[in-house]
């Protein structure tokens, strides 16, 4: 089973040259699109982004996802639900 990585904190400032506080618009669009497709969205948020604006964006991402009714879990639980053995 392959679960694609959709959002990673460091991508915005390091590769896309977007300040992390400005990345929210793009992250929100990704959340909305994944919801429309009934898909799975994986997020990688490093401890180096767990302060200041990085932490605020992460908290906003989690809060918005929760408000949308997202099932927040881990890879093992996704495998149990979707992979027939």
C-alpha atoms as a PDB file:
ATOM      1  CA  UNK A   1       0.000   0.000   0.000  1.00  0.00           C
ATOM      2  CA  UNK A   2       1.287   3.436  -0.884  1.00  0.00           C
ATOM      3  CA  UNK A   3       0.092   6.511   0.997  1.00  0.00           C
ATOM      4  CA  UNK A   4       1.319   9.658  -0.770  1.00  0.00           C
ATOM      5  CA  UNK A   5       2.874  12.550   1.115  1.00  0.00           C
ATOM      6  CA  UNK A   6       0.805  15.654   0.325  1.00  0.00           C
ATOM      7  CA  UNK A   7       2.078  18.366   2.672  1.00  0.00           C
ATOM      8  CA  UNK A   8       5.518  18.779   4.200  1.00  0.00           C
ATOM      9  CA  UNK A   9       6.395  21.862   6.202  1.00  0.00           C
ATOM     10  CA  UNK A  10       9.857  22.464   4.778  1.00  0.00           C
ATOM     11  CA  UNK A  11       8.667  22.388   1.170  1.00  0.00           C
ATOM     12  CA  UNK A  12       7.145  25.834   1.409  1.00  0.00           C
ATOM     13  CA  UNK A  13      10.071  27.964   2.602  1.00  0.00           C
ATOM     14  CA  UNK A  14      12.925  25.822   1.283  1.00  0.00           C
ATOM     15  CA  UNK A  15      11.757  24.693  -2.161  1.00  0.00           C
ATOM     16  CA  UNK A  16       8.797  26.856  -3.112  1.00  0.00           C
ATOM     17  CA  UNK A  17      10.231  29.980  -1.471  1.00  0.00           C
ATOM     18  CA  UNK A  18       6.890  30.689   0.233  1.00  0.00           C
ATOM     19  CA  UNK A  19       7.006  31.854   3.866  1.00  0.00           C
ATOM     20  CA  UNK A  20       5.327  29.265   6.073  1.00  0.00           C
ATOM     21  CA  UNK A  21       2.682  31.759   7.211  1.00  0.00           C
ATOM     22  CA  UNK A  22       1.698  32.327   3.552  1.00  0.00           C
ATOM     23  CA  UNK A  23       1.482  28.580   2.840  1.00  0.00           C
ATOM     24  CA  UNK A  24      -1.899  28.258   4.565  1.00  0.00           C
ATOM     25  CA  UNK A  25      -3.852  29.220   1.426  1.00  0.00           C
ATOM     26  CA  UNK A  26      -2.251  26.386  -0.531  1.00  0.00           C
ATOM     27  CA  UNK A  27      -2.624  23.897   2.333  1.00  0.00           C
ATOM     28  CA  UNK A  28      -6.328  24.743   2.682  1.00  0.00           C
ATOM     29  CA  UNK A  29      -6.834  24.193  -1.059  1.00  0.00           C
ATOM     30  CA  UNK A  30      -5.155  20.791  -0.780  1.00  0.00           C
ATOM     31  CA  UNK A  31      -7.333  19.790   2.177  1.00  0.00           C
ATOM     32  CA  UNK A  32     -10.465  20.836   0.303  1.00  0.00           C
ATOM     33  CA  UNK A  33      -9.472  18.974  -2.858  1.00  0.00           C
ATOM     34  CA  UNK A  34      -8.593  15.779  -0.999  1.00  0.00           C
ATOM     35  CA  UNK A  35     -11.955  15.967   0.766  1.00  0.00           C
ATOM     36  CA  UNK A  36     -13.769  16.339  -2.575  1.00  0.00           C
ATOM     37  CA  UNK A  37     -12.047  13.183  -3.826  1.00  0.00           C
ATOM     38  CA  UNK A  38     -12.632  11.284  -0.564  1.00  0.00           C
ATOM     39  CA  UNK A  39      -8.883  10.815  -0.506  1.00  0.00           C
ATOM     40  CA  UNK A  40      -6.114  10.453   2.018  1.00  0.00           C
ATOM     41  CA  UNK A  41      -3.786  13.302   2.874  1.00  0.00           C
ATOM     42  CA  UNK A  42      -0.557  12.717   4.700  1.00  0.00           C
ATOM     43  CA  UNK A  43       1.226  15.517   6.492  1.00  0.00           C
ATOM     44  CA  UNK A  44       4.856  15.614   7.553  1.00  0.00           C
ATOM     45  CA  UNK A  45       5.523  18.371  10.079  1.00  0.00           C
ATOM     46  CA  UNK A  46       9.007  18.380  11.592  1.00  0.00           C
ATOM     47  CA  UNK A  47       9.801  19.423  15.146  1.00  0.00           C
ATOM     48  CA  UNK A  48      11.840  22.324  13.748  1.00  0.00           C
ATOM     49  CA  UNK A  49       8.545  23.870  12.587  1.00  0.00           C
ATOM     50  CA  UNK A  50       6.834  23.407  15.966  1.00  0.00           C
ATOM     51  CA  UNK A  51       7.276  26.998  17.073  1.00  0.00           C
ATOM     52  CA  UNK A  52       6.225  30.455  15.936  1.00  0.00           C
ATOM     53  CA  UNK A  53       4.443  30.673  12.583  1.00  0.00           C
ATOM     54  CA  UNK A  54       5.181  27.037  11.740  1.00  0.00           C
ATOM     55  CA  UNK A  55       3.303  25.871  14.824  1.00  0.00           C
ATOM     56  CA  UNK A  56       0.405  28.254  14.150  1.00  0.00           C
ATOM     57  CA  UNK A  57       0.002  26.921  10.596  1.00  0.00           C
ATOM     58  CA  UNK A  58       0.148  23.314  11.844  1.00  0.00           C
ATOM     59  CA  UNK A  59      -2.498  24.012  14.486  1.00  0.00           C
ATOM     60  CA  UNK A  60      -4.674  25.745  11.874  1.00  0.00           C
ATOM     61  CA  UNK A  61      -4.277  22.759   9.540  1.00  0.00           C
ATOM     62  CA  UNK A  62      -5.339  20.329  12.269  1.00  0.00           C
ATOM     63  CA  UNK A  63      -8.241  22.496  13.426  1.00  0.00           C
ATOM     64  CA  UNK A  64      -9.556  23.045   9.879  1.00  0.00           C
ATOM     65  CA  UNK A  65      -9.278  19.335   9.098  1.00  0.00           C
ATOM     66  CA  UNK A  66     -11.076  18.400  12.309  1.00  0.00           C
ATOM     67  CA  UNK A  67     -13.870  20.897  11.573  1.00  0.00           C
ATOM     68  CA  UNK A  68     -14.286  19.251   8.145  1.00  0.00           C
ATOM     69  CA  UNK A  69     -14.713  15.854   9.818  1.00  0.00           C
ATOM     70  CA  UNK A  70     -11.360  14.419   8.756  1.00  0.00           C
ATOM     71  CA  UNK A  71     -10.408  11.014  10.083  1.00  0.00           C
ATOM     72  CA  UNK A  72      -7.020  11.700  11.678  1.00  0.00           C
ATOM     73  CA  UNK A  73      -5.061   8.521  12.129  1.00  0.00           C
ATOM     74  CA  UNK A  74      -1.833   6.750  11.261  1.00  0.00           C
ATOM     75  CA  UNK A  75      -0.680   4.533   8.426  1.00  0.00           C
ATOM     76  CA  UNK A  76      -1.302   1.323  10.324  1.00  0.00           C
ATOM     77  CA  UNK A  77      -4.978   2.176  10.850  1.00  0.00           C
ATOM     78  CA  UNK A  78      -5.386   3.130   7.191  1.00  0.00           C
ATOM     79  CA  UNK A  79      -3.924  -0.231   6.170  1.00  0.00           C
ATOM     80  CA  UNK A  80      -6.277  -2.089   8.516  1.00  0.00           C
ATOM     81  CA  UNK A  81      -9.270  -0.317   6.982  1.00  0.00           C
ATOM     82  CA  UNK A  82      -8.426  -0.581   3.298  1.00  0.00           C
ATOM     83  CA  UNK A  83      -6.092  -3.526   2.702  1.00  0.00           C
ATOM     84  CA  UNK A  84      -7.661  -6.972   2.503  1.00  0.00           C
ATOM     85  CA  UNK A  85      -5.370  -9.705   3.701  1.00  0.00           C
END
